[in-house]
Amino acid sequence: MKKYFLLIFFVLVTSCQKEENDDQTTEPVWKTKQFDFNHNGLVRSYILHKPENFAENSPLIFVLHGFTSSASSIMSYSQMNKIADENGFMVCYPQGTALSTGQTHWNANLEMSSIDDIGFLSQLVSKIQTSFKTNPNNTFVSGMSNGGFMSYTLACNKSNIFKAIASVTGTMSGKDWLTCDPSNKIPIMQISGTDDETVPWDGTMSTSYGWGGAPHIIKVMDYWANLNGCTSNEKIDFPDINTSDKSTVSLTKQKGSPNNNEVWLYTVTGGGHDWPGSFGNKDISASQEIWKFFKQHLK
């Protein structure tokens, strides 16, 4: 009988130890993975890339796709994962929702949608920061076209969360231009092609559905430069290393801000609605320039 009770005791102890060990098992190692996130009863998705050399307190960069596009598409052509691997930051590619017409979009204070993308992206940041302990002071957002519009919307409404933005071929929506009142002054980066017919850099975009209304992109840059208290300019002309793209690039930096915030405008003369380095101009890599900009403003 005594041996019987000893046997039962041994089985129970072994079972408890196994359960304890099972509780301590970690999720299999992953590098790029899609997740779901329930926001206001709507299940949203996003792709997260975590470099092998990722460490707590590293930066977090959001990359937003354009109108009718997808998270996987911009992840592919931006090649931001490669830059993240080289520099140890985390990248998030959220997925926009579809309109009734089936086109995926971001609601950058537009008239075509009632989706709360400001709330979704802000709460998604909080979830990722909590789960992976990324640095709240080094959380940035970038985007292509409609994703660039949304980046400005977040600059106007959530500058306490997103500490700098980079827009590629985007601009401010009409409502954002009229109502923007950011709580914090943050750095701004813009890449625009002078021959962009989708989002014309001269501010002549149609006001239908709330898209147009902002002026020439140079005036938009001046707005953010004045807001940041920039006092000086620096212009850089990039070498025309690829003449076949029939475009050249110059960079105007507005500097001298008391907070060291800068406003950068990349003018792609002869460029269209493109992501330089991937399609269109090949003299620069938009993704490399975005990281260069964010890296300069790390806290």
C-alpha atoms as a PDB file:
ATOM      1  CA  MET A   1       0.000   0.000   0.000  1.00  0.00           C
ATOM      2  CA  LYS A   2       2.845   2.381   0.882  1.00  0.00           C
ATOM      3  CA  LYS A   3       4.507   1.708  -2.481  1.00  0.00           C
ATOM      4  CA  TYR A   4       1.174   2.376  -4.187  1.00  0.00           C
ATOM      5  CA  PHE A   5       0.849   5.838  -2.608  1.00  0.00           C
ATOM      6  CA  LEU A   6       4.482   6.635  -3.459  1.00  0.00           C
ATOM      7  CA  LEU A   7       3.767   5.732  -7.085  1.00  0.00           C
ATOM      8  CA  ILE A   8       0.687   7.994  -7.177  1.00  0.00           C
ATOM      9  CA  PHE A   9       2.721  10.844  -5.632  1.00  0.00           C
ATOM     10  CA  PHE A  10       5.480  10.439  -8.239  1.00  0.00           C
ATOM     11  CA  VAL A  11       2.953  10.523 -11.118  1.00  0.00           C
ATOM     12  CA  LEU A  12       1.285  13.667  -9.758  1.00  0.00           C
ATOM     13  CA  VAL A  13       4.607  15.497  -9.260  1.00  0.00           C
ATOM     14  CA  THR A  14       5.794  14.533 -12.754  1.00  0.00           C
ATOM     15  CA  SER A  15       2.504  15.701 -14.271  1.00  0.00           C
ATOM     16  CA  CYS A  16       2.704  19.082 -12.484  1.00  0.00           C
ATOM     17  CA  GLN A  17       6.266  19.577 -13.626  1.00  0.00           C
ATOM     18  CA  LYS A  18       5.252  18.824 -17.216  1.00  0.00           C
ATOM     19  CA  GLU A  19       2.400  21.338 -17.056  1.00  0.00           C
ATOM     20  CA  GLU A  20       4.753  23.957 -15.614  1.00  0.00           C
ATOM     21  CA  ASN A  21       7.269  23.318 -18.393  1.00  0.00           C
ATOM     22  CA  ASP A  22       4.492  23.484 -21.006  1.00  0.00           C
ATOM     23  CA  ASP A  23       3.452  26.887 -19.654  1.00  0.00           C
ATOM     24  CA  GLN A  24       6.994  28.153 -20.145  1.00  0.00           C
ATOM     25  CA  THR A  25       7.303  27.055 -23.767  1.00  0.00           C
ATOM     26  CA  THR A  26       7.799  29.927 -26.174  1.00  0.00           C
ATOM     27  CA  GLU A  27       6.197  30.524 -29.528  1.00  0.00           C
ATOM     28  CA  PRO A  28       8.229  29.131 -32.437  1.00  0.00           C
ATOM     29  CA  VAL A  29      10.717  31.615 -33.831  1.00  0.00           C
ATOM     30  CA  TRP A  30       9.232  33.787 -36.589  1.00  0.00           C
ATOM     31  CA  LYS A  31      10.514  36.692 -38.605  1.00  0.00           C
ATOM     32  CA  THR A  32       7.573  37.863 -40.729  1.00  0.00           C
ATOM     33  CA  LYS A  33       4.033  36.986 -39.731  1.00  0.00           C
ATOM     34  CA  GLN A  34       0.454  38.119 -40.301  1.00  0.00           C
ATOM     35  CA  PHE A  35      -1.738  38.875 -37.290  1.00  0.00           C
ATOM     36  CA  ASP A  36      -5.369  39.841 -36.707  1.00  0.00           C
ATOM     37  CA  PHE A  37      -6.508  42.695 -34.489  1.00  0.00           C
ATOM     38  CA  ASN A  38     -10.081  43.350 -33.405  1.00  0.00           C
ATOM     39  CA  HIS A  39     -10.806  47.067 -33.455  1.00  0.00           C
ATOM     40  CA  ASN A  40     -14.333  48.252 -32.629  1.00  0.00           C
ATOM     41  CA  GLY A  41     -15.737  44.868 -33.590  1.00  0.00           C
ATOM     42  CA  LEU A  42     -13.964  44.839 -36.963  1.00  0.00           C
ATOM     43  CA  VAL A  43     -11.213  42.269 -37.451  1.00  0.00           C
ATOM     44  CA  ARG A  44      -8.234  43.992 -39.076  1.00  0.00           C
ATOM     45  CA  SER A  45      -4.988  42.400 -40.226  1.00  0.00           C
ATOM     46  CA  TYR A  46      -1.358  43.473 -40.278  1.00  0.00           C
ATOM     47  CA  ILE A  47       2.019  41.985 -41.144  1.00  0.00           C
ATOM     48  CA  LEU A  48       4.819  42.311 -38.628  1.00  0.00           C
ATOM     49  CA  HIS A  49       8.505  41.885 -39.386  1.00  0.00           C
ATOM     50  CA  LYS A  50      10.816  41.251 -36.443  1.00  0.00           C
ATOM     51  CA  PRO A  51      14.525  41.057 -37.349  1.00  0.00           C
ATOM     52  CA  GLU A  52      16.644  38.343 -35.780  1.00  0.00           C
ATOM     53  CA  ASN A  53      18.715  41.066 -34.104  1.00  0.00           C
ATOM     54  CA  PHE A  54      15.631  42.831 -32.709  1.00  0.00           C
ATOM     55  CA  ALA A  55      15.997  43.953 -29.097  1.00  0.00           C
ATOM     56  CA  GLU A  56      13.659  45.650 -26.659  1.00  0.00           C
ATOM     57  CA  ASN A  57      13.534  49.443 -26.947  1.00  0.00           C
ATOM     58  CA  SER A  58      14.161  49.353 -30.703  1.00  0.00           C
ATOM     59  CA  PRO A  59      12.270  51.650 -33.129  1.00  0.00           C
ATOM     60  CA  LEU A  60       8.945  50.730 -34.709  1.00  0.00           C
ATOM     61  CA  ILE A  61       8.081  51.866 -38.243  1.00  0.00           C
ATOM     62  CA  PHE A  62       4.622  51.621 -39.812  1.00  0.00           C
ATOM     63  CA  VAL A  63       4.495  51.387 -43.630  1.00  0.00           C
ATOM     64  CA  LEU A  64       1.072  52.104 -45.164  1.00  0.00           C
ATOM     65  CA  HIS A  65       0.059  50.907 -48.632  1.00  0.00           C
ATOM     66  CA  GLY A  66      -1.638  53.029 -51.276  1.00  0.00           C
ATOM     67  CA  PHE A  67      -5.227  53.175 -52.543  1.00  0.00           C
ATOM     68  CA  THR A  68      -6.395  49.754 -53.894  1.00  0.00           C
ATOM     69  CA  SER A  69      -3.105  48.174 -52.738  1.00  0.00           C
ATOM     70  CA  SER A  70      -2.207  45.873 -49.849  1.00  0.00           C
ATOM     71  CA  ALA A  71       0.150  45.318 -46.930  1.00  0.00           C
ATOM     72  CA  SER A  72       1.908  42.446 -48.704  1.00  0.00           C
ATOM     73  CA  SER A  73       2.389  44.507 -51.851  1.00  0.00           C
ATOM     74  CA  ILE A  74       4.135  47.442 -50.184  1.00  0.00           C
ATOM     75  CA  MET A  75       6.178  45.046 -48.067  1.00  0.00           C
ATOM     76  CA  SER A  76       7.401  43.485 -51.295  1.00  0.00           C
ATOM     77  CA  TYR A  77       8.305  46.567 -53.319  1.00  0.00           C
ATOM     78  CA  SER A  78       9.561  48.761 -50.470  1.00  0.00           C
ATOM     79  CA  GLN A  79      12.049  46.114 -49.310  1.00  0.00           C
ATOM     80  CA  MET A  80      11.855  47.728 -45.868  1.00  0.00           C
ATOM     81  CA  ASN A  81      12.371  44.328 -44.222  1.00  0.00           C
ATOM     82  CA  LYS A  82      15.918  44.228 -45.560  1.00  0.00           C
ATOM     83  CA  ILE A  83      16.665  47.646 -44.072  1.00  0.00           C
ATOM     84  CA  ALA A  84      15.090  46.539 -40.788  1.00  0.00           C
ATOM     85  CA  ASP A  85      17.323  43.454 -40.742  1.00  0.00           C
ATOM     86  CA  GLU A  86      20.377  45.640 -41.231  1.00  0.00           C
ATOM     87  CA  ASN A  87      19.399  48.108 -38.491  1.00  0.00           C
ATOM     88  CA  GLY A  88      17.366  46.112 -35.963  1.00  0.00           C
ATOM     89  CA  PHE A  89      14.036  47.959 -36.023  1.00  0.00           C
ATOM     90  CA  MET A  90      10.554  46.421 -36.254  1.00  0.00           C
ATOM     91  CA  VAL A  91       8.274  47.045 -39.245  1.00  0.00           C
ATOM     92  CA  CYS A  92       4.485  46.880 -39.296  1.00  0.00           C
ATOM     93  CA  TYR A  93       2.451  46.759 -42.524  1.00  0.00           C
ATOM     94  CA  PRO A  94      -1.221  47.274 -41.617  1.00  0.00           C
ATOM     95  CA  GLN A  95      -3.980  46.414 -44.067  1.00  0.00           C
ATOM     96  CA  GLY A  96      -6.572  49.021 -45.042  1.00  0.00           C
ATOM     97  CA  THR A  97     -10.253  48.154 -45.374  1.00  0.00           C
ATOM     98  CA  ALA A  98     -12.284  47.870 -48.577  1.00  0.00           C
ATOM     99  CA  LEU A  99     -14.881  50.407 -49.674  1.00  0.00           C
ATOM    100  CA  SER A 100     -18.236  49.205 -50.978  1.00  0.00           C
ATOM    101  CA  THR A 101     -16.646  49.373 -54.432  1.00  0.00           C
ATOM    102  CA  GLY A 102     -13.972  46.898 -53.286  1.00  0.00           C
ATOM    103  CA  GLN A 103     -11.050  49.349 -53.240  1.00  0.00           C
ATOM    104  CA  THR A 104      -8.789  49.148 -50.221  1.00  0.00           C
ATOM    105  CA  HIS A 105      -8.094  52.492 -48.586  1.00  0.00           C
ATOM    106  CA  TRP A 106      -7.089  54.536 -45.563  1.00  0.00           C
ATOM    107  CA  ASN A 107      -9.585  57.053 -44.221  1.00  0.00           C
ATOM    108  CA  ALA A 108      -7.356  60.132 -44.134  1.00  0.00           C
ATOM    109  CA  ASN A 109     -10.291  62.303 -43.038  1.00  0.00           C
ATOM    110  CA  LEU A 110     -11.914  61.611 -46.407  1.00  0.00           C
ATOM    111  CA  GLU A 111     -15.582  61.942 -47.357  1.00  0.00           C
ATOM    112  CA  MET A 112     -15.835  58.438 -48.845  1.00  0.00           C
ATOM    113  CA  SER A 113     -15.470  56.496 -45.604  1.00  0.00           C
ATOM    114  CA  SER A 114     -16.460  56.266 -41.957  1.00  0.00           C
ATOM    115  CA  ILE A 115     -13.728  53.783 -40.964  1.00  0.00           C
ATOM    116  CA  ASP A 116     -11.811  54.877 -37.861  1.00  0.00           C
ATOM    117  CA  ASP A 117      -8.280  54.348 -39.152  1.00  0.00           C
ATOM    118  CA  ILE A 118      -6.888  56.940 -36.733  1.00  0.00           C
ATOM    119  CA  GLY A 119      -8.125  54.831 -33.834  1.00  0.00           C
ATOM    120  CA  PHE A 120      -7.115  51.527 -35.429  1.00  0.00           C
ATOM    121  CA  LEU A 121      -3.519  52.546 -36.162  1.00  0.00           C
ATOM    122  CA  SER A 122      -3.086  54.263 -32.800  1.00  0.00           C
ATOM    123  CA  GLN A 123      -4.358  51.263 -30.849  1.00  0.00           C
ATOM    124  CA  LEU A 124      -2.299  48.893 -32.977  1.00  0.00           C
ATOM    125  CA  VAL A 125       0.816  50.837 -32.020  1.00  0.00           C
ATOM    126  CA  SER A 126      -0.068  50.430 -28.353  1.00  0.00           C
ATOM    127  CA  LYS A 127      -0.567  46.676 -28.783  1.00  0.00           C
ATOM    128  CA  ILE A 128       2.799  46.215 -30.507  1.00  0.00           C
ATOM    129  CA  GLN A 129       4.619  48.431 -28.017  1.00  0.00           C
ATOM    130  CA  THR A 130       3.191  46.397 -25.145  1.00  0.00           C
ATOM    131  CA  SER A 131       3.835  43.006 -26.743  1.00  0.00           C
ATOM    132  CA  PHE A 132       7.373  43.661 -27.977  1.00  0.00           C
ATOM    133  CA  LYS A 133       8.496  46.622 -25.851  1.00  0.00           C
ATOM    134  CA  THR A 134       9.411  48.836 -28.786  1.00  0.00           C
ATOM    135  CA  ASN A 135      10.435  52.401 -27.978  1.00  0.00           C
ATOM    136  CA  PRO A 136       7.401  54.760 -27.763  1.00  0.00           C
ATOM    137  CA  ASN A 137       9.676  57.723 -28.477  1.00  0.00           C
ATOM    138  CA  ASN A 138      10.877  56.144 -31.715  1.00  0.00           C
ATOM    139  CA  THR A 139       7.603  55.171 -33.360  1.00  0.00           C
ATOM    140  CA  PHE A 140       7.231  56.440 -36.937  1.00  0.00           C
ATOM    141  CA  VAL A 141       4.831  56.128 -39.872  1.00  0.00           C
ATOM    142  CA  SER A 142       5.407  56.220 -43.614  1.00  0.00           C
ATOM    143  CA  GLY A 143       3.262  55.496 -46.625  1.00  0.00           C
ATOM    144  CA  MET A 144       2.755  55.539 -50.373  1.00  0.00           C
ATOM    145  CA  SER A 145       0.063  57.745 -51.968  1.00  0.00           C
ATOM    146  CA  ASN A 146      -3.098  57.200 -49.848  1.00  0.00           C
ATOM    147  CA  GLY A 147      -0.727  55.824 -47.202  1.00  0.00           C
ATOM    148  CA  GLY A 148       1.095  59.165 -47.381  1.00  0.00           C
ATOM    149  CA  PHE A 149      -2.221  60.986 -46.922  1.00  0.00           C
ATOM    150  CA  MET A 150      -2.877  58.835 -43.844  1.00  0.00           C
ATOM    151  CA  SER A 151       0.586  59.600 -42.491  1.00  0.00           C
ATOM    152  CA  TYR A 152      -0.297  63.322 -42.542  1.00  0.00           C
ATOM    153  CA  THR A 153      -3.636  62.553 -40.861  1.00  0.00           C
ATOM    154  CA  LEU A 154      -1.725  60.878 -38.039  1.00  0.00           C
ATOM    155  CA  ALA A 155       0.715  63.808 -37.889  1.00  0.00           C
ATOM    156  CA  CYS A 156      -2.235  66.146 -37.405  1.00  0.00           C
ATOM    157  CA  ASN A 157      -4.183  63.964 -34.953  1.00  0.00           C
ATOM    158  CA  LYS A 158      -1.732  61.610 -33.220  1.00  0.00           C
ATOM    159  CA  SER A 159       1.615  63.402 -33.094  1.00  0.00           C
ATOM    160  CA  ASN A 160       1.879  62.249 -29.475  1.00  0.00           C
ATOM    161  CA  ILE A 161       2.163  58.664 -30.788  1.00  0.00           C
ATOM    162  CA  PHE A 162       3.860  58.962 -34.181  1.00  0.00           C
ATOM    163  CA  LYS A 163       7.041  60.969 -33.654  1.00  0.00           C
ATOM    164  CA  ALA A 164       7.788  61.645 -37.350  1.00  0.00           C
ATOM    165  CA  ILE A 165       6.222  60.838 -40.716  1.00  0.00           C
ATOM    166  CA  ALA A 166       7.417  60.180 -44.265  1.00  0.00           C
ATOM    167  CA  SER A 167       5.057  60.493 -47.242  1.00  0.00           C
ATOM    168  CA  VAL A 168       5.893  59.160 -50.702  1.00  0.00           C
ATOM    169  CA  THR A 169       3.647  60.729 -53.403  1.00  0.00           C
ATOM    170  CA  GLY A 170       1.014  61.646 -50.821  1.00  0.00           C
ATOM    171  CA  THR A 171      -0.110  65.010 -49.486  1.00  0.00           C
ATOM    172  CA  MET A 172      -2.621  66.357 -46.962  1.00  0.00           C
ATOM    173  CA  SER A 173      -6.316  65.745 -47.562  1.00  0.00           C
ATOM    174  CA  GLY A 174      -8.527  68.802 -47.888  1.00  0.00           C
ATOM    175  CA  LYS A 175      -9.941  68.433 -44.386  1.00  0.00           C
ATOM    176  CA  ASP A 176      -6.512  67.871 -42.838  1.00  0.00           C
ATOM    177  CA  TRP A 177      -5.171  70.989 -44.526  1.00  0.00           C
ATOM    178  CA  LEU A 178      -8.023  73.098 -43.152  1.00  0.00           C
ATOM    179  CA  THR A 179      -8.161  71.649 -39.633  1.00  0.00           C
ATOM    180  CA  CYS A 180      -4.669  70.347 -38.793  1.00  0.00           C
ATOM    181  CA  ASP A 181      -3.693  71.281 -35.245  1.00  0.00           C
ATOM    182  CA  PRO A 182      -1.062  68.810 -33.961  1.00  0.00           C
ATOM    183  CA  SER A 183      -0.449  68.531 -30.228  1.00  0.00           C
ATOM    184  CA  ASN A 184       3.287  68.015 -30.831  1.00  0.00           C
ATOM    185  CA  LYS A 185       5.705  69.425 -33.365  1.00  0.00           C
ATOM    186  CA  ILE A 186       7.188  66.561 -35.362  1.00  0.00           C
ATOM    187  CA  PRO A 187       9.603  66.129 -38.295  1.00  0.00           C
ATOM    188  CA  ILE A 188       8.114  65.664 -41.770  1.00  0.00           C
ATOM    189  CA  MET A 189       9.536  64.054 -44.922  1.00  0.00           C
ATOM    190  CA  GLN A 190       7.991  64.149 -48.401  1.00  0.00           C
ATOM    191  CA  ILE A 191       8.918  62.640 -51.781  1.00  0.00           C
ATOM    192  CA  SER A 192       7.071  64.092 -54.782  1.00  0.00           C
ATOM    193  CA  GLY A 193       7.424  63.731 -58.546  1.00  0.00           C
ATOM    194  CA  THR A 194       6.925  66.863 -60.613  1.00  0.00           C
ATOM    195  CA  ASP A 195       5.072  64.818 -63.276  1.00  0.00           C
ATOM    196  CA  ASP A 196       2.858  62.907 -60.849  1.00  0.00           C
ATOM    197  CA  GLU A 197      -0.616  62.897 -62.425  1.00  0.00           C
ATOM    198  CA  THR A 198      -2.275  60.911 -59.627  1.00  0.00           C
ATOM    199  CA  VAL A 199      -1.372  63.262 -56.766  1.00  0.00           C
ATOM    200  CA  PRO A 200      -0.133  66.416 -58.544  1.00  0.00           C
ATOM    201  CA  TRP A 201       2.487  68.161 -56.470  1.00  0.00           C
ATOM    202  CA  ASP A 202       1.103  71.611 -57.396  1.00  0.00           C
ATOM    203  CA  GLY A 203      -2.087  71.056 -55.385  1.00  0.00           C
ATOM    204  CA  THR A 204      -4.442  70.678 -58.350  1.00  0.00           C
ATOM    205  CA  MET A 205      -5.791  67.295 -57.265  1.00  0.00           C
ATOM    206  CA  SER A 206      -9.575  66.973 -57.560  1.00  0.00           C
ATOM    207  CA  THR A 207     -11.469  67.706 -54.346  1.00  0.00           C
ATOM    208  CA  SER A 208     -13.845  64.788 -54.973  1.00  0.00           C
ATOM    209  CA  TYR A 209     -14.363  62.577 -51.922  1.00  0.00           C
ATOM    210  CA  GLY A 210     -12.212  64.909 -49.827  1.00  0.00           C
ATOM    211  CA  TRP A 211      -8.876  64.141 -51.486  1.00  0.00           C
ATOM    212  CA  GLY A 212      -7.811  67.534 -52.812  1.00  0.00           C
ATOM    213  CA  GLY A 213      -7.711  70.888 -51.083  1.00  0.00           C
ATOM    214  CA  ALA A 214      -4.120  71.156 -49.952  1.00  0.00           C
ATOM    215  CA  PRO A 215      -1.931  73.622 -51.885  1.00  0.00           C
ATOM    216  CA  HIS A 216       1.381  73.076 -53.670  1.00  0.00           C
ATOM    217  CA  ILE A 217       3.522  70.576 -51.767  1.00  0.00           C
ATOM    218  CA  ILE A 218       6.169  73.257 -51.227  1.00  0.00           C
ATOM    219  CA  LYS A 219       3.589  75.313 -49.309  1.00  0.00           C
ATOM    220  CA  VAL A 220       2.643  72.206 -47.304  1.00  0.00           C
ATOM    221  CA  MET A 221       6.321  71.749 -46.391  1.00  0.00           C
ATOM    222  CA  ASP A 222       6.571  75.413 -45.420  1.00  0.00           C
ATOM    223  CA  TYR A 223       3.583  74.959 -43.089  1.00  0.00           C
ATOM    224  CA  TRP A 224       5.355  72.166 -41.191  1.00  0.00           C
ATOM    225  CA  ALA A 225       8.691  73.999 -41.263  1.00  0.00           C
ATOM    226  CA  ASN A 226       7.114  77.117 -39.754  1.00  0.00           C
ATOM    227  CA  LEU A 227       5.311  74.993 -37.178  1.00  0.00           C
ATOM    228  CA  ASN A 228       8.648  73.452 -36.166  1.00  0.00           C
ATOM    229  CA  GLY A 229      10.417  76.812 -36.130  1.00  0.00           C
ATOM    230  CA  CYS A 230      12.916  75.967 -38.892  1.00  0.00           C
ATOM    231  CA  THR A 231      15.198  78.881 -39.727  1.00  0.00           C
ATOM    232  CA  SER A 232      17.560  77.683 -42.482  1.00  0.00           C
ATOM    233  CA  ASN A 233      17.646  75.668 -45.714  1.00  0.00           C
ATOM    234  CA  GLU A 234      20.080  73.198 -47.213  1.00  0.00           C
ATOM    235  CA  LYS A 235      19.785  71.859 -50.751  1.00  0.00           C
ATOM    236  CA  ILE A 236      21.379  68.635 -51.988  1.00  0.00           C
ATOM    237  CA  ASP A 237      21.410  67.465 -55.606  1.00  0.00           C
ATOM    238  CA  PHE A 238      21.759  63.703 -56.019  1.00  0.00           C
ATOM    239  CA  PRO A 239      23.929  62.335 -58.831  1.00  0.00           C
ATOM    240  CA  ASP A 240      21.951  61.248 -61.899  1.00  0.00           C
ATOM    241  CA  ILE A 241      23.286  57.705 -61.727  1.00  0.00           C
ATOM    242  CA  ASN A 242      20.531  56.227 -63.905  1.00  0.00           C
ATOM    243  CA  THR A 243      19.760  58.398 -66.940  1.00  0.00           C
ATOM    244  CA  SER A 244      17.290  55.852 -68.349  1.00  0.00           C
ATOM    245  CA  ASP A 245      14.630  56.851 -65.789  1.00  0.00           C
ATOM    246  CA  LYS A 246      14.611  60.399 -67.254  1.00  0.00           C
ATOM    247  CA  SER A 247      14.385  61.994 -63.810  1.00  0.00           C
ATOM    248  CA  THR A 248      16.660  63.595 -61.231  1.00  0.00           C
ATOM    249  CA  VAL A 249      16.386  64.112 -57.491  1.00  0.00           C
ATOM    250  CA  SER A 250      17.109  67.053 -55.211  1.00  0.00           C
ATOM    251  CA  LEU A 251      16.558  67.321 -51.463  1.00  0.00           C
ATOM    252  CA  THR A 252      15.677  70.513 -49.604  1.00  0.00           C
ATOM    253  CA  LYS A 253      16.146  70.308 -45.849  1.00  0.00           C
ATOM    254  CA  GLN A 254      14.523  72.953 -43.667  1.00  0.00           C
ATOM    255  CA  LYS A 255      16.538  73.052 -40.457  1.00  0.00           C
ATOM    256  CA  GLY A 256      17.297  75.134 -37.362  1.00  0.00           C
ATOM    257  CA  SER A 257      14.307  74.019 -35.296  1.00  0.00           C
ATOM    258  CA  PRO A 258      14.688  74.483 -31.511  1.00  0.00           C
ATOM    259  CA  ASN A 259      13.786  70.790 -31.164  1.00  0.00           C
ATOM    260  CA  ASN A 260      16.148  69.737 -33.990  1.00  0.00           C
ATOM    261  CA  ASN A 261      13.117  68.694 -36.032  1.00  0.00           C
ATOM    262  CA  GLU A 262      13.731  68.927 -39.760  1.00  0.00           C
ATOM    263  CA  VAL A 263      11.412  69.036 -42.778  1.00  0.00           C
ATOM    264  CA  TRP A 264      12.754  67.276 -45.884  1.00  0.00           C
ATOM    265  CA  LEU A 265      11.332  67.588 -49.405  1.00  0.00           C
ATOM    266  CA  TYR A 266      12.669  65.293 -52.118  1.00  0.00           C
ATOM    267  CA  THR A 267      11.780  66.731 -55.531  1.00  0.00           C
ATOM    268  CA  VAL A 268      11.907  64.115 -58.289  1.00  0.00           C
ATOM    269  CA  THR A 269      12.096  66.280 -61.411  1.00  0.00           C
ATOM    270  CA  GLY A 270      10.447  64.337 -64.205  1.00  0.00           C
ATOM    271  CA  GLY A 271       9.216  61.718 -61.741  1.00  0.00           C
ATOM    272  CA  GLY A 272       5.717  60.294 -61.557  1.00  0.00           C
ATOM    273  CA  HIS A 273       3.599  58.471 -58.996  1.00  0.00           C
ATOM    274  CA  ASP A 274       6.432  56.189 -57.967  1.00  0.00           C
ATOM    275  CA  TRP A 275       8.374  54.680 -55.086  1.00  0.00           C
ATOM    276  CA  PRO A 276      11.953  55.631 -56.067  1.00  0.00           C
ATOM    277  CA  GLY A 277      14.344  52.721 -56.047  1.00  0.00           C
ATOM    278  CA  SER A 278      11.606  50.193 -56.758  1.00  0.00           C
ATOM    279  CA  PHE A 279       9.836  51.775 -59.732  1.00  0.00           C
ATOM    280  CA  GLY A 280      10.288  55.138 -61.400  1.00  0.00           C
ATOM    281  CA  ASN A 281      13.415  56.992 -60.359  1.00  0.00           C
ATOM    282  CA  LYS A 282      16.434  54.806 -59.596  1.00  0.00           C
ATOM    283  CA  ASP A 283      18.834  57.501 -58.345  1.00  0.00           C
ATOM    284  CA  ILE A 284      17.703  57.019 -54.736  1.00  0.00           C
ATOM    285  CA  SER A 285      15.990  54.353 -52.649  1.00  0.00           C
ATOM    286  CA  ALA A 286      12.898  55.843 -51.003  1.00  0.00           C
ATOM    287  CA  SER A 287      13.083  53.224 -48.265  1.00  0.00           C
ATOM    288  CA  GLN A 288      16.734  53.959 -47.496  1.00  0.00           C
ATOM    289  CA  GLU A 289      15.990  57.695 -47.412  1.00  0.00           C
ATOM    290  CA  ILE A 290      13.023  57.136 -45.084  1.00  0.00           C
ATOM    291  CA  TRP A 291      15.204  55.234 -42.620  1.00  0.00           C
ATOM    292  CA  LYS A 292      17.937  57.875 -42.917  1.00  0.00           C
ATOM    293  CA  PHE A 293      15.338  60.520 -41.993  1.00  0.00           C
ATOM    294  CA  PHE A 294      13.861  58.573 -39.071  1.00  0.00           C
ATOM    295  CA  LYS A 295      17.318  57.586 -37.839  1.00  0.00           C
ATOM    296  CA  GLN A 296      18.323  61.247 -37.634  1.00  0.00           C
ATOM    297  CA  HIS A 297      15.342  61.897 -35.379  1.00  0.00           C
ATOM    298  CA  LEU A 298      15.758  58.994 -32.979  1.00  0.00           C
ATOM    299  CA  LYS A 299      15.315  59.888 -29.328  1.00  0.00           C
END
